[in-house]
């Protein structure tokens, strides 16, 4: 019975997450959390065999999946920041110019 409720909760979460307008990074974090939560719940149930270990596994898997999904989002051109130094020696960050992308820096 508990497994059916967990599956229903995951499916409802996935359905609601698909309704929102999200950036690519948020979408990857959401997908990672859903996959990680499912795998963590299965691992927790297999290792502990009780409800507490299933919930702990699901929470840990969701957290880890969200972090991995968010951090593996590829950077788009124009979003990358480079460090520059002006004539007076001050360091500042600004969007990278074409020399960075062409390897001519």
N, C-alpha and C. Protein backbone atom coordinates (compact mmCIF):
# COMPACT_ATOMS: atom_id res chain seq x y z
N UNK A 1 0.82 -1.19 0.00
CA UNK A 1 0.00 0.00 0.00
C UNK A 1 0.87 1.26 0.00
N UNK A 2 1.93 1.25 0.80
CA UNK A 2 2.81 2.42 0.89
C UNK A 2 3.54 2.64 -0.43
N UNK A 3 3.91 1.56 -1.09
CA UNK A 3 4.63 1.69 -2.36
C UNK A 3 3.69 2.32 -3.40
N UNK A 4 2.43 1.94 -3.40
CA UNK A 4 1.48 2.53 -4.34
C UNK A 4 1.32 4.03 -4.08
N UNK A 5 1.28 4.43 -2.82
CA UNK A 5 1.16 5.84 -2.49
C UNK A 5 2.41 6.60 -2.92
N UNK A 6 3.57 5.99 -2.74
CA UNK A 6 4.82 6.64 -3.14
C UNK A 6 4.87 6.82 -4.65
N UNK A 7 4.45 5.79 -5.38
CA UNK A 7 4.44 5.88 -6.84
C UNK A 7 3.46 6.94 -7.30
N UNK A 8 2.29 7.00 -6.68
CA UNK A 8 1.30 8.02 -7.03
C UNK A 8 1.82 9.42 -6.74
N UNK A 9 2.54 9.58 -5.63
CA UNK A 9 3.10 10.89 -5.28
C UNK A 9 4.15 11.33 -6.29
N UNK A 10 5.00 10.39 -6.72
CA UNK A 10 6.02 10.71 -7.71
C UNK A 10 5.38 11.09 -9.04
N UNK A 11 4.37 10.35 -9.46
CA UNK A 11 3.71 10.66 -10.72
C UNK A 11 2.99 12.00 -10.68
N UNK A 12 2.37 12.33 -9.56
CA UNK A 12 1.71 13.62 -9.42
C UNK A 12 2.72 14.76 -9.44
N UNK A 13 3.84 14.54 -8.78
CA UNK A 13 4.90 15.56 -8.77
C UNK A 13 5.43 15.79 -10.18
N UNK A 14 5.63 14.71 -10.91
CA UNK A 14 6.13 14.83 -12.29
C UNK A 14 5.12 15.56 -13.16
N UNK A 15 3.85 15.27 -12.98
CA UNK A 15 2.81 15.94 -13.78
C UNK A 15 2.76 17.43 -13.47
N UNK A 16 2.85 17.79 -12.20
CA UNK A 16 2.81 19.20 -11.84
C UNK A 16 4.08 19.93 -12.26
N UNK A 17 5.21 19.26 -12.20
CA UNK A 17 6.47 19.89 -12.60
C UNK A 17 6.47 20.20 -14.09
N UNK A 18 5.78 19.39 -14.87
CA UNK A 18 5.73 19.62 -16.31
C UNK A 18 4.86 20.81 -16.69
N UNK A 19 4.02 21.27 -15.80
CA UNK A 19 3.12 22.38 -16.11
C UNK A 19 3.78 23.75 -16.01
N UNK A 20 4.82 23.87 -15.27
CA UNK A 20 5.44 25.17 -15.02
C UNK A 20 6.41 25.54 -16.14
N UNK A 21 6.56 26.84 -16.36
CA UNK A 21 7.56 27.32 -17.30
C UNK A 21 8.88 27.43 -16.55
N UNK A 22 9.87 26.66 -17.00
CA UNK A 22 11.13 26.60 -16.29
C UNK A 22 12.29 26.81 -17.25
N UNK A 23 13.41 27.24 -16.69
CA UNK A 23 14.63 27.30 -17.49
C UNK A 23 15.18 25.90 -17.65
N UNK A 24 16.14 25.75 -18.53
CA UNK A 24 16.73 24.43 -18.75
C UNK A 24 17.38 23.90 -17.47
N UNK A 25 18.01 24.78 -16.72
CA UNK A 25 18.67 24.37 -15.49
C UNK A 25 17.65 23.87 -14.47
N UNK A 26 16.51 24.54 -14.37
CA UNK A 26 15.46 24.11 -13.45
C UNK A 26 14.84 22.79 -13.91
N UNK A 27 14.67 22.62 -15.21
CA UNK A 27 14.12 21.38 -15.73
C UNK A 27 15.04 20.21 -15.43
N UNK A 28 16.33 20.41 -15.62
CA UNK A 28 17.29 19.34 -15.36
C UNK A 28 17.35 19.02 -13.87
N UNK A 29 17.23 20.04 -13.02
CA UNK A 29 17.22 19.80 -11.57
C UNK A 29 15.97 19.02 -11.16
N UNK A 30 14.83 19.37 -11.75
CA UNK A 30 13.58 18.67 -11.43
C UNK A 30 13.64 17.22 -11.89
N UNK A 31 14.11 17.01 -13.10
CA UNK A 31 14.24 15.64 -13.61
C UNK A 31 15.21 14.83 -12.77
N UNK A 32 16.32 15.43 -12.41
CA UNK A 32 17.30 14.75 -11.57
C UNK A 32 16.72 14.40 -10.21
N UNK A 33 15.93 15.31 -9.65
CA UNK A 33 15.31 15.04 -8.35
C UNK A 33 14.31 13.90 -8.44
N UNK A 34 13.53 13.86 -9.50
CA UNK A 34 12.56 12.78 -9.66
C UNK A 34 13.24 11.42 -9.85
N UNK A 35 14.23 11.38 -10.71
CA UNK A 35 14.94 10.13 -10.94
C UNK A 35 15.70 9.72 -9.69
N UNK A 36 16.40 10.66 -9.07
CA UNK A 36 17.15 10.36 -7.85
C UNK A 36 16.26 9.91 -6.72
N UNK A 37 15.10 10.55 -6.59
CA UNK A 37 14.15 10.15 -5.55
C UNK A 37 13.64 8.74 -5.75
N UNK A 38 13.34 8.39 -6.99
CA UNK A 38 12.88 7.03 -7.28
C UNK A 38 13.94 5.99 -7.01
N UNK A 39 15.15 6.25 -7.48
CA UNK A 39 16.25 5.31 -7.27
C UNK A 39 16.60 5.22 -5.78
N UNK A 40 16.59 6.36 -5.10
CA UNK A 40 16.87 6.37 -3.66
C UNK A 40 15.83 5.62 -2.87
N UNK A 41 14.56 5.74 -3.24
CA UNK A 41 13.49 5.01 -2.55
C UNK A 41 13.66 3.51 -2.75
N UNK A 42 13.98 3.11 -3.96
CA UNK A 42 14.19 1.68 -4.22
C UNK A 42 15.40 1.15 -3.45
N UNK A 43 16.48 1.93 -3.44
CA UNK A 43 17.67 1.51 -2.70
C UNK A 43 17.41 1.47 -1.20
N UNK A 44 16.70 2.45 -0.69
CA UNK A 44 16.38 2.47 0.74
C UNK A 44 15.51 1.29 1.14
N UNK A 45 14.54 0.95 0.31
CA UNK A 45 13.69 -0.19 0.60
C UNK A 45 14.48 -1.50 0.53
N UNK A 46 15.37 -1.61 -0.45
CA UNK A 46 16.17 -2.83 -0.60
C UNK A 46 17.15 -3.00 0.55
N UNK A 47 17.72 -1.90 1.02
CA UNK A 47 18.72 -1.99 2.09
C UNK A 47 18.09 -2.08 3.48
N UNK A 48 17.09 -1.26 3.73
CA UNK A 48 16.52 -1.21 5.07
C UNK A 48 15.28 -2.06 5.26
N UNK A 49 14.48 -2.17 4.22
CA UNK A 49 13.29 -2.99 4.28
C UNK A 49 12.14 -2.41 5.09
N UNK A 50 12.22 -1.13 5.44
CA UNK A 50 11.11 -0.52 6.18
C UNK A 50 10.80 0.87 5.60
N UNK A 51 9.75 1.47 6.09
CA UNK A 51 9.29 2.74 5.56
C UNK A 51 10.30 3.87 5.80
N UNK A 52 10.90 3.88 6.96
CA UNK A 52 11.85 4.95 7.30
C UNK A 52 13.03 4.96 6.34
N UNK A 53 13.59 3.79 6.06
CA UNK A 53 14.73 3.75 5.15
C UNK A 53 14.32 4.11 3.72
N UNK A 54 13.09 3.79 3.34
CA UNK A 54 12.61 4.17 2.01
C UNK A 54 12.49 5.69 1.89
N UNK A 55 11.95 6.33 2.92
CA UNK A 55 11.80 7.78 2.90
C UNK A 55 13.15 8.47 2.93
N UNK A 56 14.07 7.98 3.74
CA UNK A 56 15.41 8.57 3.82
C UNK A 56 16.12 8.39 2.48
N UNK A 57 16.01 7.22 1.88
CA UNK A 57 16.62 6.98 0.58
C UNK A 57 16.05 7.87 -0.50
N UNK A 58 14.72 8.06 -0.48
CA UNK A 58 14.07 8.92 -1.47
C UNK A 58 14.51 10.37 -1.30
N UNK A 59 14.58 10.84 -0.07
CA UNK A 59 14.99 12.23 0.17
C UNK A 59 16.44 12.45 -0.24
N UNK A 60 17.31 11.54 0.14
CA UNK A 60 18.72 11.67 -0.23
C UNK A 60 18.93 11.58 -1.73
N UNK A 61 18.22 10.65 -2.37
CA UNK A 61 18.33 10.52 -3.81
C UNK A 61 17.81 11.73 -4.55
N UNK A 62 16.71 12.30 -4.06
CA UNK A 62 16.14 13.49 -4.69
C UNK A 62 17.10 14.67 -4.58
N UNK A 63 17.69 14.84 -3.41
CA UNK A 63 18.63 15.94 -3.21
C UNK A 63 19.85 15.78 -4.11
N UNK A 64 20.42 14.58 -4.11
CA UNK A 64 21.60 14.33 -4.94
C UNK A 64 21.27 14.47 -6.42
N UNK A 65 20.11 13.96 -6.83
CA UNK A 65 19.71 14.07 -8.24
C UNK A 65 19.50 15.50 -8.67
N UNK A 66 18.92 16.32 -7.81
CA UNK A 66 18.70 17.73 -8.14
C UNK A 66 20.02 18.47 -8.28
N UNK A 67 20.95 18.20 -7.39
CA UNK A 67 22.26 18.87 -7.45
C UNK A 67 23.00 18.46 -8.72
N UNK A 68 22.99 17.18 -9.04
CA UNK A 68 23.68 16.71 -10.25
C UNK A 68 23.00 17.25 -11.50
N UNK A 69 21.67 17.23 -11.52
CA UNK A 69 20.96 17.75 -12.69
C UNK A 69 21.21 19.22 -12.92
N UNK A 70 21.25 19.99 -11.85
CA UNK A 70 21.48 21.42 -11.97
C UNK A 70 22.91 21.74 -12.39
N UNK A 71 23.86 21.00 -11.84
CA UNK A 71 25.27 21.32 -12.11
C UNK A 71 25.73 20.83 -13.48
N UNK A 72 25.00 19.91 -14.10
CA UNK A 72 25.43 19.41 -15.41
C UNK A 72 24.76 20.14 -16.56
N UNK A 73 24.07 21.23 -16.29
CA UNK A 73 23.45 22.01 -17.36
C UNK A 73 24.55 22.68 -18.17
N UNK A 74 24.55 22.46 -19.49
CA UNK A 74 25.61 23.09 -20.30
C UNK A 74 25.44 24.60 -20.35
N UNK A 75 26.55 25.30 -20.36
CA UNK A 75 26.54 26.76 -20.46
C UNK A 75 26.28 27.16 -21.91
N UNK A 76 25.43 28.12 -22.10
CA UNK A 76 25.17 28.63 -23.44
C UNK A 76 26.11 29.79 -23.72
N UNK A 77 26.34 30.01 -24.98
CA UNK A 77 27.18 31.14 -25.38
C UNK A 77 26.54 32.44 -24.90
N UNK A 78 27.31 33.29 -24.29
CA UNK A 78 26.80 34.55 -23.79
C UNK A 78 26.55 34.50 -22.30
N UNK A 79 26.39 33.32 -21.75
CA UNK A 79 26.18 33.20 -20.31
C UNK A 79 27.51 33.05 -19.57
N UNK A 80 28.55 32.69 -20.29
CA UNK A 80 29.85 32.47 -19.69
C UNK A 80 30.49 33.82 -19.35
N UNK A 81 31.03 33.94 -18.14
CA UNK A 81 31.71 35.16 -17.73
C UNK A 81 33.21 34.92 -17.69
N UNK A 82 33.96 35.88 -18.15
CA UNK A 82 35.42 35.82 -18.13
C UNK A 82 35.95 36.92 -17.21
N UNK A 83 37.16 36.70 -16.72
CA UNK A 83 37.81 37.71 -15.88
C UNK A 83 38.75 38.53 -16.77
N UNK A 84 38.66 39.83 -16.64
CA UNK A 84 39.51 40.74 -17.40
C UNK A 84 40.24 41.66 -16.45
N UNK A 85 41.34 42.27 -16.95
CA UNK A 85 42.09 43.25 -16.17
C UNK A 85 42.21 44.51 -17.01
N UNK A 86 41.83 45.64 -16.41
CA UNK A 86 41.93 46.89 -17.17
C UNK A 86 43.34 47.46 -17.08
N UNK A 87 43.56 48.62 -17.69
CA UNK A 87 44.90 49.22 -17.74
C UNK A 87 45.44 49.61 -16.38
N UNK A 88 44.55 49.85 -15.44
CA UNK A 88 44.97 50.24 -14.09
C UNK A 88 45.17 49.03 -13.18
N UNK A 89 44.97 47.84 -13.71
CA UNK A 89 45.20 46.63 -12.93
C UNK A 89 43.97 46.09 -12.21
N UNK A 90 42.83 46.74 -12.37
CA UNK A 90 41.61 46.28 -11.70
C UNK A 90 41.05 45.06 -12.43
N UNK A 91 40.63 44.07 -11.66
CA UNK A 91 40.04 42.86 -12.20
C UNK A 91 38.52 43.03 -12.23
N UNK A 92 37.90 42.64 -13.33
CA UNK A 92 36.45 42.67 -13.42
C UNK A 92 35.98 41.49 -14.25
N UNK A 93 34.70 41.15 -14.12
CA UNK A 93 34.11 40.08 -14.92
C UNK A 93 33.12 40.67 -15.91
N UNK A 94 33.07 40.06 -17.07
CA UNK A 94 32.15 40.49 -18.13
C UNK A 94 31.90 39.29 -19.03
N UNK A 95 30.84 39.33 -19.84
CA UNK A 95 30.62 38.23 -20.78
C UNK A 95 31.84 38.05 -21.68
N UNK A 96 32.17 36.80 -21.95
CA UNK A 96 33.34 36.50 -22.77
C UNK A 96 33.12 36.96 -24.20
N UNK A 97 34.20 37.44 -24.84
CA UNK A 97 34.10 37.84 -26.23
C UNK A 97 34.42 36.65 -27.14
N UNK A 98 34.39 36.88 -28.44
CA UNK A 98 34.56 35.79 -29.40
C UNK A 98 35.93 35.14 -29.32
N UNK A 99 36.94 35.86 -28.85
CA UNK A 99 38.27 35.26 -28.74
C UNK A 99 38.25 34.06 -27.80
N UNK A 100 37.42 34.11 -26.77
CA UNK A 100 37.33 33.00 -25.82
C UNK A 100 36.79 31.76 -26.51
N UNK A 101 35.73 31.92 -27.30
CA UNK A 101 35.10 30.78 -27.94
C UNK A 101 35.91 30.23 -29.09
N UNK A 102 36.74 31.08 -29.72
CA UNK A 102 37.57 30.62 -30.83
C UNK A 102 38.92 30.07 -30.37
N UNK A 103 39.24 30.20 -29.10
CA UNK A 103 40.51 29.72 -28.57
C UNK A 103 41.66 30.68 -28.81
N UNK A 104 41.38 31.93 -29.14
CA UNK A 104 42.42 32.92 -29.43
C UNK A 104 42.68 33.85 -28.25
N UNK A 105 42.59 33.38 -27.07
CA UNK A 105 42.77 34.26 -25.91
C UNK A 105 44.17 34.17 -25.37
